[in-house]
C-alpha atoms as a PDB file:
ATOM      1  CA  MET A   1      16.784  11.087  -3.600  1.00  0.00           C
ATOM      2  CA  LYS A   2      14.543   8.640  -1.717  1.00  0.00           C
ATOM      3  CA  THR A   3      11.249   7.390  -3.219  1.00  0.00           C
ATOM      4  CA  TYR A   4       8.417   9.323  -1.715  1.00  0.00           C
ATOM      5  CA  ASP A   5      10.763  12.169  -0.563  1.00  0.00           C
ATOM      6  CA  ARG A   6       9.398  15.354  -2.236  1.00  0.00           C
ATOM      7  CA  PHE A   7       6.638  13.510  -3.892  1.00  0.00           C
ATOM      8  CA  ALA A   8       5.110  12.791  -0.549  1.00  0.00           C
ATOM      9  CA  LYS A   9       3.552  16.256  -0.277  1.00  0.00           C
ATOM     10  CA  ILE A  10       1.998  16.065  -3.692  1.00  0.00           C
ATOM     11  CA  TYR A  11       0.700  12.573  -2.950  1.00  0.00           C
ATOM     12  CA  ALA A  12      -0.922  13.631   0.428  1.00  0.00           C
ATOM     13  CA  GLU A  13      -2.601  16.741  -1.098  1.00  0.00           C
ATOM     14  CA  SER A  14      -3.947  15.146  -4.247  1.00  0.00           C
ATOM     15  CA  HIS A  15      -6.663  12.450  -5.038  1.00  0.00           C
ATOM     16  CA  TYR A  16      -4.253   9.451  -3.975  1.00  0.00           C
ATOM     17  CA  PRO A  17      -5.550   9.477  -0.274  1.00  0.00           C
ATOM     18  CA  ASN A  18      -9.150   8.782  -1.538  1.00  0.00           C
ATOM     19  CA  LEU A  19      -8.066   5.277  -2.454  1.00  0.00           C
ATOM     20  CA  SER A  20      -7.184   4.534   1.302  1.00  0.00           C
ATOM     21  CA  GLN A  21     -10.463   6.263   2.284  1.00  0.00           C
ATOM     22  CA  SER A  22     -12.467   3.917  -0.010  1.00  0.00           C
ATOM     23  CA  VAL A  23     -10.864   0.812   1.474  1.00  0.00           C
ATOM     24  CA  ALA A  24     -11.568   1.978   4.892  1.00  0.00           C
ATOM     25  CA  ASP A  25     -15.095   2.769   4.073  1.00  0.00           C
ATOM     26  CA  ILE A  26     -15.552  -1.027   2.939  1.00  0.00           C
ATOM     27  CA  PHE A  27     -13.607  -2.606   5.477  1.00  0.00           C
ATOM     28  CA  PRO A  28     -16.437  -3.389   7.845  1.00  0.00           C
ATOM     29  CA  THR A  29     -18.160  -5.262   4.925  1.00  0.00           C
ATOM     30  CA  VAL A  30     -14.888  -7.185   4.149  1.00  0.00           C
ATOM     31  CA  MET A  31     -14.733  -8.140   7.855  1.00  0.00           C
ATOM     32  CA  GLN A  32     -18.243  -9.300   7.882  1.00  0.00           C
ATOM     33  CA  GLU A  33     -17.970 -11.129   4.492  1.00  0.00           C
ATOM     34  CA  TYR A  34     -14.910 -13.303   5.813  1.00  0.00           C
ATOM     35  CA  LYS A  35     -16.262 -13.546   9.354  1.00  0.00           C
ATOM     36  CA  ILE A  36     -13.109 -11.552  10.679  1.00  0.00           C
ATOM     37  CA  PRO A  37     -13.906 -10.955  14.540  1.00  0.00           C
ATOM     38  CA  SER A  38     -14.034  -7.367  15.409  1.00  0.00           C
ATOM     39  CA  ASN A  39     -14.104  -7.772  19.304  1.00  0.00           C
ATOM     40  CA  GLY A  40     -11.060  -7.990  21.541  1.00  0.00           C
ATOM     41  CA  SER A  41      -8.301  -5.481  21.446  1.00  0.00           C
ATOM     42  CA  LYS A  42      -8.861  -4.374  17.721  1.00  0.00           C
ATOM     43  CA  LYS A  43      -5.076  -3.833  17.221  1.00  0.00           C
ATOM     44  CA  LEU A  44      -4.256  -3.129  13.606  1.00  0.00           C
ATOM     45  CA  LEU A  45      -0.913  -2.800  12.000  1.00  0.00           C
ATOM     46  CA  ASP A  46      -0.832  -0.668   8.714  1.00  0.00           C
ATOM     47  CA  VAL A  47       2.254  -1.608   6.808  1.00  0.00           C
ATOM     48  CA  ALA A  48       3.574   1.159   4.584  1.00  0.00           C
ATOM     49  CA  CYS A  49       0.991   3.451   6.085  1.00  0.00           C
ATOM     50  CA  GLY A  50       2.206   6.400   3.833  1.00  0.00           C
ATOM     51  CA  GLU A  51       0.502   9.760   4.750  1.00  0.00           C
ATOM     52  CA  GLY A  52      -1.879   7.979   7.024  1.00  0.00           C
ATOM     53  CA  SER A  53      -5.236   8.280   5.376  1.00  0.00           C
ATOM     54  CA  PHE A  54      -6.179   4.681   6.047  1.00  0.00           C
ATOM     55  CA  ALA A  55      -4.687   4.613   9.464  1.00  0.00           C
ATOM     56  CA  VAL A  56      -6.571   7.638  10.578  1.00  0.00           C
ATOM     57  CA  ALA A  57      -9.824   6.322   9.058  1.00  0.00           C
ATOM     58  CA  MET A  58      -9.461   3.099  10.950  1.00  0.00           C
ATOM     59  CA  ALA A  59      -8.597   4.980  14.317  1.00  0.00           C
ATOM     60  CA  ASN A  60     -11.790   6.886  13.766  1.00  0.00           C
ATOM     61  CA  LYS A  61     -13.762   3.591  13.504  1.00  0.00           C
ATOM     62  CA  GLY A  62     -12.352   2.645  17.033  1.00  0.00           C
ATOM     63  CA  TRP A  63      -9.270   0.649  16.145  1.00  0.00           C
ATOM     64  CA  ASN A  64      -6.012   0.842  17.953  1.00  0.00           C
ATOM     65  CA  VAL A  65      -3.656   1.563  15.016  1.00  0.00           C
ATOM     66  CA  THR A  66       0.095   1.327  14.643  1.00  0.00           C
ATOM     67  CA  GLY A  67       1.406   2.572  11.234  1.00  0.00           C
ATOM     68  CA  ILE A  68       4.878   1.922   9.878  1.00  0.00           C
ATOM     69  CA  ASP A  69       6.623   3.476   6.999  1.00  0.00           C
ATOM     70  CA  GLN A  70      10.106   3.814   5.442  1.00  0.00           C
ATOM     71  CA  SER A  71       9.599   7.314   4.483  1.00  0.00           C
ATOM     72  CA  GLU A  72      10.291   9.984   7.031  1.00  0.00           C
ATOM     73  CA  GLU A  73       8.402  12.545   5.151  1.00  0.00           C
ATOM     74  CA  MET A  74       5.255  10.355   4.730  1.00  0.00           C
ATOM     75  CA  LEU A  75       5.249   9.790   8.483  1.00  0.00           C
ATOM     76  CA  ARG A  76       5.591  13.441   9.084  1.00  0.00           C
ATOM     77  CA  LEU A  77       2.569  13.996   6.997  1.00  0.00           C
ATOM     78  CA  ALA A  78       0.700  11.107   8.734  1.00  0.00           C
ATOM     79  CA  LYS A  79       1.380  12.597  12.191  1.00  0.00           C
ATOM     80  CA  HIS A  80       0.058  15.818  11.011  1.00  0.00           C
ATOM     81  CA  ARG A  81      -3.071  14.192   9.585  1.00  0.00           C
ATOM     82  CA  ALA A  82      -3.696  12.409  12.914  1.00  0.00           C
ATOM     83  CA  SER A  83      -3.106  15.333  14.823  1.00  0.00           C
ATOM     84  CA  GLN A  84      -5.761  17.413  12.858  1.00  0.00           C
ATOM     85  CA  THR A  85      -8.182  14.578  13.066  1.00  0.00           C
ATOM     86  CA  LYS A  86      -7.412  14.371  16.912  1.00  0.00           C
ATOM     87  CA  VAL A  87      -6.817  10.630  16.981  1.00  0.00           C
ATOM     88  CA  LYS A  88      -3.900   8.929  18.585  1.00  0.00           C
ATOM     89  CA  ILE A  89      -1.835   6.491  16.327  1.00  0.00           C
ATOM     90  CA  ASN A  90       1.581   5.166  16.895  1.00  0.00           C
ATOM     91  CA  PHE A  91       3.539   6.006  13.677  1.00  0.00           C
ATOM     92  CA  LEU A  92       7.054   4.291  13.383  1.00  0.00           C
ATOM     93  CA  ASN A  93       9.835   4.548  10.862  1.00  0.00           C
ATOM     94  CA  GLN A  94      10.405   0.845   9.950  1.00  0.00           C
ATOM     95  CA  ASP A  95      11.411  -1.117   6.880  1.00  0.00           C
ATOM     96  CA  MET A  96       8.620  -3.594   6.329  1.00  0.00           C
ATOM     97  CA  ARG A  97      11.081  -6.373   5.707  1.00  0.00           C
ATOM     98  CA  PHE A  98      12.268  -6.090   9.399  1.00  0.00           C
ATOM     99  CA  ILE A  99       9.094  -5.237  11.282  1.00  0.00           C
ATOM    100  CA  ASP A 100      10.130  -5.309  15.121  1.00  0.00           C
ATOM    101  CA  PHE A 101       6.838  -6.629  16.633  1.00  0.00           C
ATOM    102  CA  SER A 102       5.933 -10.069  18.121  1.00  0.00           C
ATOM    103  CA  GLY A 103       2.429 -11.359  18.531  1.00  0.00           C
ATOM    104  CA  GLN A 104       0.827  -7.829  19.019  1.00  0.00           C
ATOM    105  CA  PHE A 105      -1.795  -7.569  16.311  1.00  0.00           C
ATOM    106  CA  ASP A 106      -5.280  -8.827  15.256  1.00  0.00           C
ATOM    107  CA  ILE A 107      -5.075  -7.621  11.610  1.00  0.00           C
ATOM    108  CA  ALA A 108      -2.287  -6.321   9.477  1.00  0.00           C
ATOM    109  CA  THR A 109      -2.941  -4.509   6.316  1.00  0.00           C
ATOM    110  CA  CYS A 110      -0.670  -3.253   3.291  1.00  0.00           C
ATOM    111  CA  TRP A 111      -2.237  -1.213   0.432  1.00  0.00           C
ATOM    112  CA  PHE A 112      -1.718   0.074  -3.054  1.00  0.00           C
ATOM    113  CA  ASP A 113       1.342  -1.310  -4.709  1.00  0.00           C
ATOM    114  CA  SER A 114       3.529  -1.056  -1.457  1.00  0.00           C
ATOM    115  CA  LEU A 115       4.651  -4.680  -1.797  1.00  0.00           C
ATOM    116  CA  ASN A 116       5.400  -4.374  -5.384  1.00  0.00           C
ATOM    117  CA  TYR A 117       8.245  -2.003  -4.336  1.00  0.00           C
ATOM    118  CA  LEU A 118       9.972  -5.157  -2.965  1.00  0.00           C
ATOM    119  CA  ILE A 119      12.229  -6.117  -5.892  1.00  0.00           C
ATOM    120  CA  THR A 120      13.107  -9.795  -5.024  1.00  0.00           C
ATOM    121  CA  ASN A 121      11.457 -12.923  -3.730  1.00  0.00           C
ATOM    122  CA  ASP A 122      13.633 -12.819  -0.739  1.00  0.00           C
ATOM    123  CA  ASP A 123      12.485  -9.370   0.292  1.00  0.00           C
ATOM    124  CA  LEU A 124       8.750 -10.387  -0.256  1.00  0.00           C
ATOM    125  CA  GLN A 125       9.348 -13.400   1.879  1.00  0.00           C
ATOM    126  CA  SER A 126      11.120 -11.417   4.536  1.00  0.00           C
ATOM    127  CA  THR A 127       8.203  -9.042   4.786  1.00  0.00           C
ATOM    128  CA  PHE A 128       5.605 -11.736   4.968  1.00  0.00           C
ATOM    129  CA  ASN A 129       7.513 -13.422   7.779  1.00  0.00           C
ATOM    130  CA  ALA A 130       7.840 -10.157   9.741  1.00  0.00           C
ATOM    131  CA  ILE A 131       4.125  -9.596   9.414  1.00  0.00           C
ATOM    132  CA  SER A 132       3.306 -13.052  10.453  1.00  0.00           C
ATOM    133  CA  ARG A 133       5.461 -12.718  13.567  1.00  0.00           C
ATOM    134  CA  ALA A 134       3.767  -9.373  14.209  1.00  0.00           C
ATOM    135  CA  LEU A 135       0.295 -10.971  14.395  1.00  0.00           C
ATOM    136  CA  LYS A 136      -1.397 -12.871  17.125  1.00  0.00           C
ATOM    137  CA  PRO A 137      -2.305 -16.547  16.483  1.00  0.00           C
ATOM    138  CA  ASN A 138      -5.174 -16.655  13.949  1.00  0.00           C
ATOM    139  CA  GLY A 139      -4.460 -13.105  12.919  1.00  0.00           C
ATOM    140  CA  TRP A 140      -5.499 -11.746   9.606  1.00  0.00           C
ATOM    141  CA  PHE A 141      -3.329 -10.185   6.894  1.00  0.00           C
ATOM    142  CA  LEU A 142      -5.201  -8.193   3.917  1.00  0.00           C
ATOM    143  CA  PHE A 143      -3.195  -6.593   1.235  1.00  0.00           C
ATOM    144  CA  ASP A 144      -3.315  -5.731  -2.368  1.00  0.00           C
ATOM    145  CA  MET A 145      -0.590  -5.930  -5.096  1.00  0.00           C
ATOM    146  CA  ASN A 146      -0.394  -4.943  -9.008  1.00  0.00           C
ATOM    147  CA  THR A 147      -0.412  -8.187 -10.967  1.00  0.00           C
ATOM    148  CA  VAL A 148       1.977  -9.098 -13.806  1.00  0.00           C
ATOM    149  CA  TYR A 149      -0.839  -8.232 -16.124  1.00  0.00           C
ATOM    150  CA  GLY A 150      -1.388  -4.856 -14.343  1.00  0.00           C
ATOM    151  CA  LEU A 151       2.243  -3.813 -14.661  1.00  0.00           C
ATOM    152  CA  ALA A 152       3.137  -5.338 -18.058  1.00  0.00           C
ATOM    153  CA  VAL A 153      -0.096  -4.419 -19.895  1.00  0.00           C
ATOM    154  CA  THR A 154      -2.336  -1.937 -17.924  1.00  0.00           C
ATOM    155  CA  TRP A 155       0.456   0.328 -16.832  1.00  0.00           C
ATOM    156  CA  GLN A 156       1.780   0.534 -20.449  1.00  0.00           C
ATOM    157  CA  LYS A 157      -1.451   1.427 -22.168  1.00  0.00           C
ATOM    158  CA  ASN A 158      -0.788   5.081 -21.375  1.00  0.00           C
ATOM    159  CA  PRO A 159       3.236   5.293 -21.357  1.00  0.00           C
ATOM    160  CA  CYS A 160       2.976   8.950 -21.051  1.00  0.00           C
ATOM    161  CA  GLU A 161       0.130  10.655 -19.226  1.00  0.00           C
ATOM    162  CA  VAL A 162      -0.775  13.923 -17.575  1.00  0.00           C
ATOM    163  CA  ALA A 163      -1.767  12.580 -13.856  1.00  0.00           C
ATOM    164  CA  GLN A 164      -2.797  16.141 -12.497  1.00  0.00           C
ATOM    165  CA  GLU A 165      -2.944  19.619 -14.075  1.00  0.00           C
ATOM    166  CA  THR A 166      -3.854  22.802 -11.997  1.00  0.00           C
ATOM    167  CA  PRO A 167      -2.847  26.326 -12.329  1.00  0.00           C
ATOM    168  CA  GLU A 168      -0.076  25.542  -9.668  1.00  0.00           C
ATOM    169  CA  LEU A 169       0.907  21.911 -10.476  1.00  0.00           C
ATOM    170  CA  LEU A 170       1.615  19.708 -13.464  1.00  0.00           C
ATOM    171  CA  GLU A 171       2.353  16.055 -12.796  1.00  0.00           C
ATOM    172  CA  LEU A 172       3.361  13.730 -15.577  1.00  0.00           C
ATOM    173  CA  HIS A 173       3.920   9.970 -15.457  1.00  0.00           C
ATOM    174  CA  ARG A 174       6.080   7.949 -17.963  1.00  0.00           C
ATOM    175  CA  THR A 175       6.135   4.278 -17.655  1.00  0.00           C
ATOM    176  CA  SER A 176       8.072   1.424 -19.146  1.00  0.00           C
ATOM    177  CA  TYR A 177       8.295  -2.412 -18.473  1.00  0.00           C
ATOM    178  CA  ASN A 178      11.338  -4.808 -18.402  1.00  0.00           C
ATOM    179  CA  TYR A 179       9.858  -8.272 -19.403  1.00  0.00           C
ATOM    180  CA  GLU A 180      12.978 -10.193 -18.620  1.00  0.00           C
ATOM    181  CA  LYS A 181      13.242  -8.805 -15.093  1.00  0.00           C
ATOM    182  CA  ARG A 182       9.603  -8.198 -14.613  1.00  0.00           C
ATOM    183  CA  LEU A 183      10.158  -4.671 -13.465  1.00  0.00           C
ATOM    184  CA  ALA A 184       7.909  -1.735 -14.178  1.00  0.00           C
ATOM    185  CA  CYS A 185       9.326   1.899 -13.832  1.00  0.00           C
ATOM    186  CA  ALA A 186       7.184   4.907 -13.437  1.00  0.00           C
ATOM    187  CA  LYS A 187       9.070   8.112 -13.869  1.00  0.00           C
ATOM    188  CA  ILE A 188       7.058  10.830 -12.143  1.00  0.00           C
ATOM    189  CA  THR A 189       8.160  14.545 -13.107  1.00  0.00           C
ATOM    190  CA  TRP A 190       6.174  17.407 -11.623  1.00  0.00           C
ATOM    191  CA  PHE A 191       6.369  21.120 -11.886  1.00  0.00           C
ATOM    192  CA  VAL A 192       5.164  23.342  -9.141  1.00  0.00           C
ATOM    193  CA  LYS A 193       4.569  26.995  -9.772  1.00  0.00           C
ATOM    194  CA  VAL A 194       6.332  29.450  -7.323  1.00  0.00           C
ATOM    195  CA  ASP A 195       5.420  33.047  -7.930  1.00  0.00           C
ATOM    196  CA  ASP A 196       6.105  33.393 -11.694  1.00  0.00           C
ATOM    197  CA  MET A 197       8.603  30.481 -11.989  1.00  0.00           C
ATOM    198  CA  TRP A 198       8.012  26.785 -12.395  1.00  0.00           C
ATOM    199  CA  GLU A 199      10.201  24.317 -10.124  1.00  0.00           C
ATOM    200  CA  LYS A 200      10.806  20.888 -11.628  1.00  0.00           C
ATOM    201  CA  PHE A 201      11.033  17.776  -9.593  1.00  0.00           C
ATOM    202  CA  GLU A 202      11.493  14.030 -10.394  1.00  0.00           C
ATOM    203  CA  GLU A 203      11.295  10.715  -8.781  1.00  0.00           C
ATOM    204  CA  LYS A 204      11.682   7.184 -10.297  1.00  0.00           C
ATOM    205  CA  HIS A 205       9.343   4.443  -8.951  1.00  0.00           C
ATOM    206  CA  VAL A 206      10.271   0.739  -9.756  1.00  0.00           C
ATOM    207  CA  GLU A 207       7.909  -2.013  -8.925  1.00  0.00           C
ATOM    208  CA  ARG A 208       8.326  -5.825  -9.385  1.00  0.00           C
ATOM    209  CA  ALA A 209       5.639  -8.026 -10.914  1.00  0.00           C
ATOM    210  CA  PHE A 210       5.225 -11.150  -8.909  1.00  0.00           C
ATOM    211  CA  SER A 211       3.134 -14.022 -10.183  1.00  0.00           C
ATOM    212  CA  ILE A 212       0.141 -15.217  -8.021  1.00  0.00           C
ATOM    213  CA  ASP A 213       2.059 -18.493  -7.565  1.00  0.00           C
ATOM    214  CA  GLU A 214       4.981 -16.793  -6.135  1.00  0.00           C
ATOM    215  CA  ILE A 215       2.959 -14.650  -3.610  1.00  0.00           C
ATOM    216  CA  GLU A 216       1.053 -17.584  -2.585  1.00  0.00           C
ATOM    217  CA  LYS A 217       4.271 -19.773  -1.989  1.00  0.00           C
ATOM    218  CA  CYS A 218       5.767 -16.853   0.171  1.00  0.00           C
ATOM    219  CA  LEU A 219       2.507 -16.544   2.179  1.00  0.00           C
ATOM    220  CA  GLU A 220       2.571 -20.200   2.830  1.00  0.00           C
ATOM    221  CA  TYR A 221       6.041 -20.348   3.980  1.00  0.00           C
ATOM    222  CA  ALA A 222       5.316 -17.462   6.456  1.00  0.00           C
ATOM    223  CA  GLY A 223       2.569 -19.472   8.001  1.00  0.00           C
ATOM    224  CA  PHE A 224      -0.566 -17.875   6.219  1.00  0.00           C
ATOM    225  CA  HIS A 225      -3.433 -19.643   4.732  1.00  0.00           C
ATOM    226  CA  VAL A 226      -4.978 -17.821   1.818  1.00  0.00           C
ATOM    227  CA  VAL A 227      -8.735 -17.501   2.431  1.00  0.00           C
ATOM    228  CA  ASP A 228      -9.479 -15.720  -0.860  1.00  0.00           C
ATOM    229  CA  LYS A 229      -8.011 -13.623  -3.607  1.00  0.00           C
ATOM    230  CA  LEU A 230     -10.062 -11.094  -5.608  1.00  0.00           C
ATOM    231  CA  GLY A 231      -9.816  -9.082  -8.814  1.00  0.00           C
ATOM    232  CA  ARG A 232     -11.715  -6.340  -7.141  1.00  0.00           C
ATOM    233  CA  LEU A 233     -12.690  -5.443  -3.553  1.00  0.00           C
ATOM    234  CA  ASP A 234     -15.728  -3.385  -4.356  1.00  0.00           C
ATOM    235  CA  PRO A 235     -17.896  -5.120  -5.518  1.00  0.00           C
ATOM    236  CA  PHE A 236     -16.284  -8.489  -4.439  1.00  0.00           C
ATOM    237  CA  THR A 237     -15.046  -9.838  -7.839  1.00  0.00           C
ATOM    238  CA  PRO A 238     -13.049 -13.092  -8.546  1.00  0.00           C
ATOM    239  CA  LEU A 239      -9.463 -12.720  -9.868  1.00  0.00           C
ATOM    240  CA  GLN A 240      -9.219 -12.988 -13.381  1.00  0.00           C
ATOM    241  CA  PRO A 241      -6.214 -13.458 -15.834  1.00  0.00           C
ATOM    242  CA  SER A 242      -6.772  -9.795 -16.949  1.00  0.00           C
ATOM    243  CA  SER A 243      -7.196  -8.440 -13.340  1.00  0.00           C
ATOM    244  CA  SER A 244      -4.855  -5.457 -12.928  1.00  0.00           C
ATOM    245  CA  ARG A 245      -4.702  -5.913  -9.112  1.00  0.00           C
ATOM    246  CA  VAL A 246      -5.027  -8.834  -6.760  1.00  0.00           C
ATOM    247  CA  TRP A 247      -6.527  -8.433  -3.206  1.00  0.00           C
ATOM    248  CA  PHE A 248      -5.483 -11.157  -0.770  1.00  0.00           C
ATOM    249  CA  ILE A 249      -7.552 -12.176   2.342  1.00  0.00           C
ATOM    250  CA  ALA A 250      -4.924 -14.486   4.434  1.00  0.00           C
ATOM    251  CA  ARG A 251      -5.171 -15.865   8.056  1.00  0.00           C
ATOM    252  CA  LYS A 252      -2.316 -16.994  10.113  1.00  0.00           C
END
């Protein structure tokens, strides 16, 4: 079973999209802080757009948005969200390593662990190269990733936890970390009540912990200049050794 296959519906109908909405809410402040131009075509590429909450929010702010994702089920949910909100977004089924655009976008974004799903440095490099090609000259790339500390320490503080519990749904997360390979595994198990019976589903999510140095080298090779890196986006907080997440502001 593919990652974010059956879990996509659970993801879309729970609290997870609130994260994307919070980033969309602060996005104008980020643009103002880093003097990112908001005039012109306002074309935005949302990489690994998932169920479309960030893409829809940005389209509502007047952006011309294209969203790509590898999960067909996530894209189906994203198209439904856009239709309900009555915004026009170009959603495409593409692998982020091989994005098929050239010099079309002013800004590219990629949020919430998506880049950690790339297991090798070559995959990360291929993705950064593809995003760079998709951007116009002087285009911006904003993204976040789980840090090594986040996956090796923060994730492991609660190796087994109840993520959601309602009368119709129980969602459990069990995590582990391979220090040699720097791979974190989250096994997501959920039970859905159907009539008087409970159905069980399970997906395994594996994320790679990249060092800050590895990320910066891949960005530099792809032609990006790192403008800033933060430990938190709201409020703006410098990156610390104990930061669970890193937010990058980069420019082509």
